[in-house]
Amino acid sequence: MAENKASDVREAQRYLRTISKYNPNIPMTVADGTYSDDTRNAVAAFQRERGLPETGEIDPRTWDELYKLYKEAALFFAELESINPRAVSETPLSKGSAGYPVYIIQVMLNTISQFYDNLKGASINGIYDNETAEEIRRIQSISGLPETGDLNHATWNALARIYNYHAAIDDIDNDETDYTMSINAVG
């Protein structure tokens, strides 16, 4: 690869740099298009990690492994896509509403309720029933919103913020520590 053009070297350096973000055994490289000693050392470290002949040069087998691992790393570090089950409708969900958006809301409420003593969760049935409305009221109270029990735009945003925060730490279940807490209304 040392004889290849700078754009090819820069691409390999970008791949190595991305992989090094989750594998500390791969030195971080600068994507400058120069096949320097730093690049050669990063390639050798990558080859060592992957069980390839440790030459410091990028042969076809090294390139294939490098590209494969880069794609995995790029997916890992990609920004998460968000969902908005209420994207088209301006009408709030309320008692009697039904469908997939209600299922999603009920799953979110149940996830959040694992972390707070004063939230109970809701039956996952796709129907916006009294139980779902009561939990939405609690979310509104916690968030300082009018306690209508209806899911409007502001309530969706509050629910999503609380859910996203706790979904990020949901893997704590392997720990013996009790992370249950109470949240209180603002104001």
N, C-alpha and C. Protein backbone atom coordinates (compact mmCIF):
# COMPACT_ATOMS: atom_id res chain seq x y z
N MET A 1 0.82 -1.19 0.00
CA MET A 1 0.00 0.00 0.00
C MET A 1 0.86 1.25 0.00
N ALA A 2 2.13 1.13 0.37
CA ALA A 2 3.01 2.30 0.45
C ALA A 2 3.12 3.01 -0.89
N GLU A 3 2.98 2.27 -2.00
CA GLU A 3 3.07 2.90 -3.31
C GLU A 3 1.73 3.46 -3.79
N ASN A 4 0.67 3.17 -3.09
CA ASN A 4 -0.65 3.62 -3.52
C ASN A 4 -0.81 5.11 -3.30
N LYS A 5 -1.83 5.64 -3.94
CA LYS A 5 -2.06 7.08 -3.83
C LYS A 5 -2.53 7.47 -2.43
N ALA A 6 -2.35 8.73 -2.13
CA ALA A 6 -2.64 9.27 -0.79
C ALA A 6 -4.09 9.03 -0.38
N SER A 7 -5.03 9.06 -1.32
CA SER A 7 -6.44 8.87 -0.95
C SER A 7 -6.70 7.46 -0.43
N ASP A 8 -6.00 6.44 -0.99
CA ASP A 8 -6.14 5.07 -0.50
C ASP A 8 -5.56 4.95 0.91
N VAL A 9 -4.40 5.56 1.13
CA VAL A 9 -3.76 5.53 2.45
C VAL A 9 -4.65 6.24 3.46
N ARG A 10 -5.18 7.39 3.08
CA ARG A 10 -6.06 8.16 3.97
C ARG A 10 -7.29 7.33 4.36
N GLU A 11 -7.83 6.59 3.39
CA GLU A 11 -9.00 5.75 3.68
C GLU A 11 -8.63 4.66 4.70
N ALA A 12 -7.50 4.00 4.50
CA ALA A 12 -7.05 2.97 5.45
C ALA A 12 -6.82 3.59 6.83
N GLN A 13 -6.24 4.78 6.87
CA GLN A 13 -6.01 5.46 8.15
C GLN A 13 -7.33 5.79 8.85
N ARG A 14 -8.32 6.21 8.08
CA ARG A 14 -9.64 6.48 8.67
C ARG A 14 -10.23 5.21 9.27
N TYR A 15 -10.10 4.10 8.55
CA TYR A 15 -10.60 2.82 9.04
C TYR A 15 -9.90 2.45 10.35
N LEU A 16 -8.57 2.56 10.37
CA LEU A 16 -7.81 2.23 11.56
C LEU A 16 -8.20 3.14 12.73
N ARG A 17 -8.39 4.41 12.44
CA ARG A 17 -8.75 5.37 13.48
C ARG A 17 -10.11 5.01 14.09
N THR A 18 -11.07 4.66 13.26
CA THR A 18 -12.39 4.27 13.76
C THR A 18 -12.30 3.00 14.60
N ILE A 19 -11.56 2.02 14.14
CA ILE A 19 -11.41 0.76 14.88
C ILE A 19 -10.72 1.01 16.21
N SER A 20 -9.75 1.93 16.22
CA SER A 20 -8.99 2.20 17.46
C SER A 20 -9.86 2.82 18.55
N LYS A 21 -11.02 3.35 18.17
CA LYS A 21 -11.91 3.94 19.17
C LYS A 21 -12.47 2.88 20.12
N TYR A 22 -12.62 1.65 19.66
CA TYR A 22 -13.12 0.61 20.56
C TYR A 22 -12.10 -0.48 20.83
N ASN A 23 -10.94 -0.41 20.20
CA ASN A 23 -9.89 -1.37 20.49
C ASN A 23 -8.62 -0.60 20.84
N PRO A 24 -8.31 -0.48 22.13
CA PRO A 24 -7.16 0.32 22.55
C PRO A 24 -5.81 -0.28 22.14
N ASN A 25 -5.81 -1.51 21.64
CA ASN A 25 -4.56 -2.12 21.18
C ASN A 25 -4.16 -1.65 19.80
N ILE A 26 -5.05 -0.94 19.12
CA ILE A 26 -4.75 -0.38 17.81
C ILE A 26 -4.42 1.10 18.02
N PRO A 27 -3.19 1.52 17.73
CA PRO A 27 -2.86 2.94 17.91
C PRO A 27 -3.69 3.83 17.00
N MET A 28 -4.09 4.99 17.50
CA MET A 28 -4.86 5.94 16.71
C MET A 28 -3.93 6.59 15.68
N THR A 29 -4.38 6.66 14.46
CA THR A 29 -3.59 7.25 13.39
C THR A 29 -4.19 8.58 12.95
N VAL A 30 -3.36 9.37 12.29
CA VAL A 30 -3.82 10.61 11.68
C VAL A 30 -4.09 10.31 10.22
N ALA A 31 -5.25 10.69 9.73
CA ALA A 31 -5.60 10.44 8.33
C ALA A 31 -5.03 11.54 7.45
N ASP A 32 -3.72 11.44 7.19
CA ASP A 32 -3.04 12.47 6.40
C ASP A 32 -2.61 11.99 5.02
N GLY A 33 -2.85 10.72 4.72
CA GLY A 33 -2.52 10.19 3.40
C GLY A 33 -1.07 9.76 3.24
N THR A 34 -0.28 9.83 4.31
CA THR A 34 1.12 9.44 4.28
C THR A 34 1.29 8.11 5.00
N TYR A 35 1.92 7.13 4.32
CA TYR A 35 2.13 5.83 4.94
C TYR A 35 3.37 5.90 5.82
N SER A 36 3.19 6.52 6.98
CA SER A 36 4.28 6.79 7.91
C SER A 36 4.55 5.59 8.81
N ASP A 37 5.55 5.71 9.68
CA ASP A 37 5.82 4.66 10.66
C ASP A 37 4.62 4.47 11.60
N ASP A 38 3.94 5.57 11.95
CA ASP A 38 2.75 5.46 12.80
C ASP A 38 1.67 4.61 12.12
N THR A 39 1.47 4.83 10.83
CA THR A 39 0.48 4.04 10.09
C THR A 39 0.92 2.58 10.03
N ARG A 40 2.19 2.35 9.74
CA ARG A 40 2.74 1.00 9.66
C ARG A 40 2.57 0.28 11.00
N ASN A 41 2.83 0.97 12.10
CA ASN A 41 2.67 0.37 13.44
C ASN A 41 1.21 0.05 13.73
N ALA A 42 0.30 0.94 13.32
CA ALA A 42 -1.13 0.69 13.53
C ALA A 42 -1.58 -0.52 12.71
N VAL A 43 -1.09 -0.63 11.48
CA VAL A 43 -1.44 -1.78 10.63
C VAL A 43 -0.90 -3.06 11.26
N ALA A 44 0.35 -3.04 11.75
CA ALA A 44 0.94 -4.23 12.39
C ALA A 44 0.13 -4.62 13.63
N ALA A 45 -0.27 -3.64 14.42
CA ALA A 45 -1.08 -3.93 15.61
C ALA A 45 -2.42 -4.54 15.21
N PHE A 46 -3.03 -3.99 14.16
CA PHE A 46 -4.29 -4.53 13.66
C PHE A 46 -4.10 -5.98 13.22
N GLN A 47 -3.03 -6.24 12.47
CA GLN A 47 -2.76 -7.60 11.99
C GLN A 47 -2.55 -8.55 13.18
N ARG A 48 -1.84 -8.10 14.19
CA ARG A 48 -1.60 -8.91 15.38
C ARG A 48 -2.94 -9.25 16.05
N GLU A 49 -3.81 -8.24 16.20
CA GLU A 49 -5.13 -8.45 16.83
C GLU A 49 -6.00 -9.42 16.05
N ARG A 50 -5.86 -9.43 14.74
CA ARG A 50 -6.71 -10.27 13.88
C ARG A 50 -6.07 -11.61 13.53
N GLY A 51 -4.86 -11.86 14.05
CA GLY A 51 -4.18 -13.14 13.77
C GLY A 51 -3.66 -13.23 12.36
N LEU A 52 -3.35 -12.10 11.75
CA LEU A 52 -2.80 -12.06 10.40
C LEU A 52 -1.27 -11.96 10.47
N PRO A 53 -0.57 -12.31 9.37
CA PRO A 53 0.88 -12.11 9.37
C PRO A 53 1.20 -10.63 9.63
N GLU A 54 2.06 -10.39 10.59
CA GLU A 54 2.35 -9.03 11.07
C GLU A 54 3.46 -8.39 10.22
N THR A 55 3.04 -7.76 9.11
CA THR A 55 4.00 -7.15 8.18
C THR A 55 4.01 -5.63 8.24
N GLY A 56 2.92 -5.04 8.71
CA GLY A 56 2.81 -3.59 8.70
C GLY A 56 2.38 -3.05 7.34
N GLU A 57 2.20 -3.93 6.39
CA GLU A 57 1.74 -3.56 5.04
C GLU A 57 0.32 -4.07 4.85
N ILE A 58 -0.44 -3.38 4.04
CA ILE A 58 -1.84 -3.77 3.81
C ILE A 58 -1.92 -4.60 2.55
N ASP A 59 -2.01 -5.92 2.74
CA ASP A 59 -2.22 -6.84 1.62
C ASP A 59 -3.73 -7.05 1.46
N PRO A 60 -4.17 -7.78 0.43
CA PRO A 60 -5.62 -7.96 0.23
C PRO A 60 -6.34 -8.57 1.44
N ARG A 61 -5.73 -9.53 2.12
CA ARG A 61 -6.38 -10.15 3.28
C ARG A 61 -6.52 -9.15 4.43
N THR A 62 -5.47 -8.35 4.66
CA THR A 62 -5.52 -7.32 5.70
C THR A 62 -6.58 -6.29 5.34
N TRP A 63 -6.62 -5.89 4.07
CA TRP A 63 -7.61 -4.91 3.63
C TRP A 63 -9.03 -5.42 3.88
N ASP A 64 -9.28 -6.69 3.53
CA ASP A 64 -10.62 -7.26 3.73
C ASP A 64 -11.01 -7.25 5.21
N GLU A 65 -10.10 -7.65 6.09
CA GLU A 65 -10.36 -7.64 7.53
C GLU A 65 -10.54 -6.22 8.05
N LEU A 66 -9.70 -5.32 7.56
CA LEU A 66 -9.78 -3.92 7.97
C LEU A 66 -11.14 -3.32 7.60
N TYR A 67 -11.56 -3.58 6.38
CA TYR A 67 -12.85 -3.05 5.92
C TYR A 67 -14.00 -3.66 6.71
N LYS A 68 -13.94 -4.98 6.92
CA LYS A 68 -14.99 -5.67 7.67
C LYS A 68 -15.13 -5.09 9.08
N LEU A 69 -14.02 -4.94 9.76
CA LEU A 69 -14.06 -4.43 11.13
C LEU A 69 -14.46 -2.96 11.17
N TYR A 70 -14.02 -2.21 10.16
CA TYR A 70 -14.41 -0.79 10.07
C TYR A 70 -15.93 -0.68 9.96
N LYS A 71 -16.54 -1.49 9.11
CA LYS A 71 -18.00 -1.43 8.93
C LYS A 71 -18.71 -1.75 10.26
N GLU A 72 -18.21 -2.74 10.99
CA GLU A 72 -18.79 -3.07 12.30
C GLU A 72 -18.63 -1.91 13.27
N ALA A 73 -17.45 -1.31 13.29
CA ALA A 73 -17.20 -0.18 14.19
C ALA A 73 -18.04 1.02 13.80
N ALA A 74 -18.16 1.27 12.51
CA ALA A 74 -18.95 2.41 12.04
C ALA A 74 -20.41 2.25 12.46
N LEU A 75 -20.94 1.04 12.39
CA LEU A 75 -22.31 0.80 12.85
C LEU A 75 -22.42 1.01 14.35
N PHE A 76 -21.41 0.57 15.09
CA PHE A 76 -21.41 0.71 16.54
C PHE A 76 -21.42 2.18 16.95
N PHE A 77 -20.64 3.00 16.25
CA PHE A 77 -20.52 4.41 16.61
C PHE A 77 -21.52 5.31 15.89
N ALA A 78 -22.35 4.74 15.03
CA ALA A 78 -23.32 5.54 14.29
C ALA A 78 -24.33 6.16 15.25
N GLU A 79 -24.81 7.31 14.88
CA GLU A 79 -25.85 7.96 15.69
C GLU A 79 -27.12 7.13 15.59
N LEU A 80 -27.77 6.93 16.71
CA LEU A 80 -28.99 6.14 16.73
C LEU A 80 -30.13 6.90 16.04
N GLU A 81 -30.90 6.15 15.30
CA GLU A 81 -32.08 6.72 14.68
C GLU A 81 -33.17 6.85 15.74
N SER A 82 -33.93 7.90 15.67
CA SER A 82 -35.02 8.06 16.62
C SER A 82 -36.33 7.68 15.95
N ILE A 83 -37.31 7.39 16.76
CA ILE A 83 -38.64 7.10 16.24
C ILE A 83 -39.59 8.16 16.75
N ASN A 84 -40.60 8.44 15.99
CA ASN A 84 -41.63 9.36 16.44
C ASN A 84 -42.97 8.80 15.99
N PRO A 85 -43.59 8.01 16.85
CA PRO A 85 -44.86 7.40 16.45
C PRO A 85 -45.97 8.42 16.26
N ARG A 86 -45.75 9.65 16.65
CA ARG A 86 -46.77 10.69 16.53
C ARG A 86 -46.42 11.69 15.42
N ALA A 87 -45.54 11.32 14.51
CA ALA A 87 -44.99 12.26 13.54
C ALA A 87 -46.05 12.98 12.70
N VAL A 88 -47.12 12.31 12.33
CA VAL A 88 -48.08 12.92 11.43
C VAL A 88 -49.25 13.58 12.14
N SER A 89 -49.60 13.07 13.28
CA SER A 89 -50.82 13.50 13.95
C SER A 89 -50.57 14.65 14.92
N GLU A 90 -51.45 15.63 14.87
CA GLU A 90 -51.42 16.72 15.85
C GLU A 90 -52.44 16.46 16.96
N THR A 91 -53.25 15.41 16.79
CA THR A 91 -54.26 15.08 17.79
C THR A 91 -53.62 14.30 18.92
N PRO A 92 -53.76 14.75 20.16
CA PRO A 92 -53.17 13.99 21.28
C PRO A 92 -53.81 12.61 21.41
N LEU A 93 -53.02 11.67 21.87
CA LEU A 93 -53.58 10.36 22.22
C LEU A 93 -54.25 10.51 23.58
N SER A 94 -55.38 9.87 23.73
CA SER A 94 -56.11 9.95 25.00
C SER A 94 -56.86 8.64 25.21
N LYS A 95 -57.56 8.55 26.35
CA LYS A 95 -58.31 7.33 26.66
C LYS A 95 -59.16 6.93 25.46
N GLY A 96 -59.05 5.65 25.11
CA GLY A 96 -59.80 5.12 23.97
C GLY A 96 -58.96 5.01 22.71
N SER A 97 -57.85 5.75 22.62
CA SER A 97 -56.97 5.61 21.46
C SER A 97 -56.38 4.21 21.47
N ALA A 98 -56.04 3.71 20.29
CA ALA A 98 -55.47 2.36 20.21
C ALA A 98 -54.55 2.28 19.00
N GLY A 99 -53.64 1.32 19.06
CA GLY A 99 -52.76 1.07 17.93
C GLY A 99 -51.29 0.98 18.33
N TYR A 100 -50.44 0.90 17.30
CA TYR A 100 -49.01 0.72 17.54
C TYR A 100 -48.37 1.84 18.36
N PRO A 101 -48.73 3.10 18.14
CA PRO A 101 -48.13 4.13 18.99
C PRO A 101 -48.40 3.90 20.48
N VAL A 102 -49.57 3.38 20.82
CA VAL A 102 -49.91 3.13 22.22
C VAL A 102 -49.04 1.99 22.76
N TYR A 103 -48.81 0.95 21.95
CA TYR A 103 -47.91 -0.13 22.37
C TYR A 103 -46.53 0.45 22.72
N ILE A 104 -46.01 1.30 21.85
CA ILE A 104 -44.68 1.88 22.06
C ILE A 104 -44.66 2.69 23.36
N ILE A 105 -45.68 3.47 23.58
CA ILE A 105 -45.78 4.29 24.80
C ILE A 105 -45.82 3.40 26.04
N GLN A 106 -46.59 2.33 25.98
CA GLN A 106 -46.71 1.43 27.13
C GLN A 106 -45.38 0.72 27.42
N VAL A 107 -44.66 0.34 26.40
CA VAL A 107 -43.33 -0.26 26.61
C VAL A 107 -42.40 0.76 27.25
N MET A 108 -42.45 1.99 26.78
CA MET A 108 -41.61 3.04 27.36
C MET A 108 -41.96 3.27 28.83
N LEU A 109 -43.24 3.33 29.13
CA LEU A 109 -43.67 3.53 30.52
C LEU A 109 -43.19 2.39 31.41
N ASN A 110 -43.26 1.16 30.91
CA ASN A 110 -42.80 0.00 31.71
C ASN A 110 -41.30 0.03 31.92
N THR A 111 -40.56 0.45 30.93
CA THR A 111 -39.11 0.57 31.08
C THR A 111 -38.77 1.60 32.14
N ILE A 112 -39.39 2.76 32.06
CA ILE A 112 -39.13 3.84 33.01
C ILE A 112 -39.53 3.41 34.42
N SER A 113 -40.64 2.69 34.55
CA SER A 113 -41.15 2.33 35.89
C SER A 113 -40.18 1.43 36.65
N GLN A 114 -39.26 0.78 35.96
CA GLN A 114 -38.27 -0.06 36.63
C GLN A 114 -37.31 0.77 37.48
N PHE A 115 -37.23 2.06 37.21
CA PHE A 115 -36.26 2.92 37.88
C PHE A 115 -36.88 3.83 38.93
N TYR A 116 -38.20 3.89 39.01
CA TYR A 116 -38.87 4.83 39.92
C TYR A 116 -39.95 4.13 40.73
N ASP A 117 -39.93 4.38 42.03
CA ASP A 117 -40.93 3.78 42.92
C ASP A 117 -42.34 4.34 42.68
N ASN A 118 -42.43 5.59 42.24
CA ASN A 118 -43.75 6.20 42.10
C ASN A 118 -44.33 6.08 40.69
N LEU A 119 -43.76 5.23 39.86
CA LEU A 119 -44.35 4.88 38.57
C LEU A 119 -44.63 3.38 38.57
N LYS A 120 -45.78 2.99 38.04
CA LYS A 120 -46.18 1.59 38.10
C LYS A 120 -46.04 0.87 36.76
N GLY A 121 -45.98 1.61 35.67
CA GLY A 121 -46.02 0.98 34.36
C GLY A 121 -47.44 0.80 33.90
N ALA A 122 -47.62 0.19 32.75
CA ALA A 122 -48.96 0.00 32.19
C ALA A 122 -49.01 -1.35 31.47
N SER A 123 -50.19 -1.93 31.43
CA SER A 123 -50.36 -3.18 30.67
C SER A 123 -50.09 -2.89 29.21
N ILE A 124 -49.36 -3.78 28.57
CA ILE A 124 -49.05 -3.60 27.15
C ILE A 124 -50.15 -4.28 26.34
N ASN A 125 -51.12 -3.48 25.94
CA ASN A 125 -52.27 -4.02 25.21
C ASN A 125 -52.64 -3.18 23.99
N GLY A 126 -51.92 -2.08 23.77
CA GLY A 126 -52.19 -1.24 22.61
C GLY A 126 -53.42 -0.36 22.76
N ILE A 127 -54.01 -0.35 23.96
CA ILE A 127 -55.21 0.46 24.21
C ILE A 127 -54.87 1.51 25.25
N TYR A 128 -55.15 2.75 24.95
CA TYR A 128 -54.89 3.87 25.86
C TYR A 128 -56.00 3.86 26.90
N ASP A 129 -55.79 3.07 27.94
CA ASP A 129 -56.81 2.86 28.97
C ASP A 129 -56.53 3.74 30.19
N ASN A 130 -57.31 3.57 31.25
CA ASN A 130 -57.14 4.36 32.48
C ASN A 130 -55.73 4.22 33.05
N GLU A 131 -55.20 3.01 33.04
CA GLU A 131 -53.87 2.73 33.59
C GLU A 131 -52.80 3.53 32.81
N THR A 132 -52.89 3.53 31.49
CA THR A 132 -51.93 4.28 30.66
C THR A 132 -52.08 5.78 30.91
N ALA A 133 -53.32 6.26 30.96
CA ALA A 133 -53.56 7.69 31.20
C ALA A 133 -53.00 8.12 32.55
N GLU A 134 -53.14 7.27 33.57
CA GLU A 134 -52.63 7.60 34.91
C GLU A 134 -51.11 7.70 34.89
N GLU A 135 -50.44 6.79 34.21
CA GLU A 135 -48.97 6.86 34.12
C GLU A 135 -48.53 8.10 33.34
N ILE A 136 -49.26 8.45 32.30
CA ILE A 136 -48.94 9.67 31.55
C ILE A 136 -49.13 10.88 32.45
N ARG A 137 -50.18 10.88 33.27
CA ARG A 137 -50.37 11.97 34.25
C ARG A 137 -49.15 12.11 35.16
N ARG A 138 -48.63 10.97 35.61
CA ARG A 138 -47.44 11.00 36.48
C ARG A 138 -46.23 11.58 35.74
N ILE A 139 -46.07 11.19 34.50
CA ILE A 139 -44.96 11.74 33.69
C ILE A 139 -45.15 13.25 33.54
N GLN A 140 -46.38 13.69 33.30
CA GLN A 140 -46.66 15.13 33.18
C GLN A 140 -46.35 15.85 34.48
N SER A 141 -46.73 15.26 35.59
CA SER A 141 -46.47 15.86 36.90
C SER A 141 -44.97 15.99 37.15
N ILE A 142 -44.26 14.92 36.89
CA ILE A 142 -42.80 14.91 37.06
C ILE A 142 -42.15 15.99 36.20
N SER A 143 -42.71 16.20 35.00
CA SER A 143 -42.11 17.12 34.03
C SER A 143 -42.63 18.54 34.13
N GLY A 144 -43.54 18.79 35.08
CA GLY A 144 -44.08 20.13 35.24
C GLY A 144 -45.05 20.53 34.15
N LEU A 145 -45.71 19.56 33.55
CA LEU A 145 -46.69 19.81 32.48
C LEU A 145 -48.11 19.72 33.04
N PRO A 146 -49.08 20.30 32.36
CA PRO A 146 -50.47 20.14 32.79
C PRO A 146 -50.83 18.66 32.84
N GLU A 147 -51.45 18.24 33.91
CA GLU A 147 -51.75 16.82 34.14
C GLU A 147 -53.09 16.44 33.52
N THR A 148 -53.09 16.25 32.22
CA THR A 148 -54.31 15.92 31.49
C THR A 148 -54.48 14.41 31.29
N GLY A 149 -53.37 13.68 31.32
CA GLY A 149 -53.41 12.25 31.01
C GLY A 149 -53.39 11.98 29.52
N ASP A 150 -53.45 13.03 28.71
CA ASP A 150 -53.37 12.89 27.25
C ASP A 150 -51.92 13.02 26.81
N LEU A 151 -51.56 12.32 25.76
CA LEU A 151 -50.20 12.40 25.25
C LEU A 151 -50.17 13.37 24.07
N ASN A 152 -49.71 14.58 24.35
CA ASN A 152 -49.52 15.58 23.30
C ASN A 152 -48.03 15.69 22.98
N HIS A 153 -47.67 16.66 22.16
CA HIS A 153 -46.27 16.83 21.73
C HIS A 153 -45.34 17.05 22.92
N ALA A 154 -45.69 17.94 23.82
CA ALA A 154 -44.83 18.24 24.98
C ALA A 154 -44.68 17.02 25.88
N THR A 155 -45.76 16.28 26.07
CA THR A 155 -45.70 15.09 26.91
C THR A 155 -44.86 14.00 26.25
N TRP A 156 -45.01 13.85 24.93
CA TRP A 156 -44.17 12.88 24.21
C TRP A 156 -42.69 13.21 24.41
N ASN A 157 -42.34 14.48 24.27
CA ASN A 157 -40.94 14.87 24.44
C ASN A 157 -40.45 14.57 25.85
N ALA A 158 -41.26 14.83 26.85
CA ALA A 158 -40.88 14.54 28.23
C ALA A 158 -40.71 13.03 28.43
N LEU A 159 -41.65 12.26 27.94
CA LEU A 159 -41.57 10.80 28.04
C LEU A 159 -40.32 10.29 27.33
N ALA A 160 -40.06 10.78 26.13
CA ALA A 160 -38.90 10.33 25.36
C ALA A 160 -37.59 10.68 26.07
N ARG A 161 -37.50 11.88 26.66
CA ARG A 161 -36.28 12.26 27.39
C ARG A 161 -36.01 11.33 28.57
N ILE A 162 -37.05 11.06 29.35
CA ILE A 162 -36.89 10.19 30.52
C ILE A 162 -36.54 8.77 30.06
N TYR A 163 -37.23 8.30 29.04
CA TYR A 163 -36.97 6.95 28.51
C TYR A 163 -35.54 6.85 27.98
N ASN A 164 -35.12 7.80 27.16
CA ASN A 164 -33.79 7.74 26.56
C ASN A 164 -32.71 7.73 27.63
N TYR A 165 -32.91 8.50 28.69
CA TYR A 165 -31.94 8.53 29.77
C TYR A 165 -31.80 7.14 30.40
N HIS A 166 -32.91 6.50 30.68
CA HIS A 166 -32.86 5.21 31.37
C HIS A 166 -32.57 4.05 30.43
N ALA A 167 -32.96 4.15 29.19
CA ALA A 167 -32.65 3.08 28.24
C ALA A 167 -31.14 2.97 28.07
N ALA A 168 -30.43 4.07 28.22
CA ALA A 168 -28.98 4.07 28.08
C ALA A 168 -28.30 3.33 29.22
N ILE A 169 -28.94 3.25 30.39
CA ILE A 169 -28.32 2.56 31.52
C ILE A 169 -29.07 1.30 31.90
N ASP A 170 -29.87 0.79 30.99
CA ASP A 170 -30.71 -0.38 31.27
C ASP A 170 -29.90 -1.65 31.50
N ASP A 171 -28.66 -1.70 31.05
CA ASP A 171 -27.84 -2.89 31.22
C ASP A 171 -27.31 -3.04 32.64
N ILE A 172 -27.66 -2.15 33.52
CA ILE A 172 -27.18 -2.19 34.90
C ILE A 172 -27.71 -3.41 35.64
N ASP A 173 -28.71 -4.08 35.09
CA ASP A 173 -29.33 -5.22 35.76
C ASP A 173 -28.34 -6.29 36.19
N ASN A 174 -27.18 -6.36 35.55
CA ASN A 174 -26.17 -7.35 35.94
C ASN A 174 -25.54 -7.01 37.29
N ASP A 175 -25.70 -5.77 37.71
CA ASP A 175 -25.12 -5.29 38.96
C ASP A 175 -26.10 -5.58 40.09
N GLU A 176 -25.61 -5.81 41.27
CA GLU A 176 -26.45 -6.09 42.43
C GLU A 176 -27.03 -4.83 43.06
N THR A 177 -26.51 -3.67 42.69
CA THR A 177 -26.94 -2.42 43.29
C THR A 177 -28.39 -2.12 42.93
N ASP A 178 -29.16 -1.56 43.86
CA ASP A 178 -30.54 -1.19 43.60
C ASP A 178 -30.56 0.25 43.08
N TYR A 179 -30.93 0.42 41.83
CA TYR A 179 -30.94 1.74 41.21
C TYR A 179 -32.33 2.36 41.18
N THR A 180 -33.28 1.81 41.93
CA THR A 180 -34.63 2.35 41.98
C THR A 180 -34.62 3.66 42.74
N MET A 181 -35.38 4.62 42.26
CA MET A 181 -35.44 5.93 42.91
C MET A 181 -36.82 6.52 42.69
N SER A 182 -37.10 7.61 43.32
CA SER A 182 -38.35 8.34 43.09
C SER A 182 -38.03 9.64 42.39
N ILE A 183 -38.92 10.04 41.49
CA ILE A 183 -38.76 11.34 40.87
C ILE A 183 -39.95 12.19 41.30
N ASN A 184 -39.71 13.44 41.46
CA ASN A 184 -40.74 14.33 41.97
C ASN A 184 -41.13 15.37 40.93
N ALA A 185 -42.32 15.88 41.07
CA ALA A 185 -42.77 16.92 40.17
C ALA A 185 -41.92 18.17 40.35
N VAL A 186 -41.71 18.88 39.27
CA VAL A 186 -40.94 20.12 39.31
C VAL A 186 -41.86 21.23 39.80
N GLY A 187 -41.32 22.08 40.66
CA GLY A 187 -42.09 23.26 41.07
C GLY A 187 -42.82 23.00 42.29
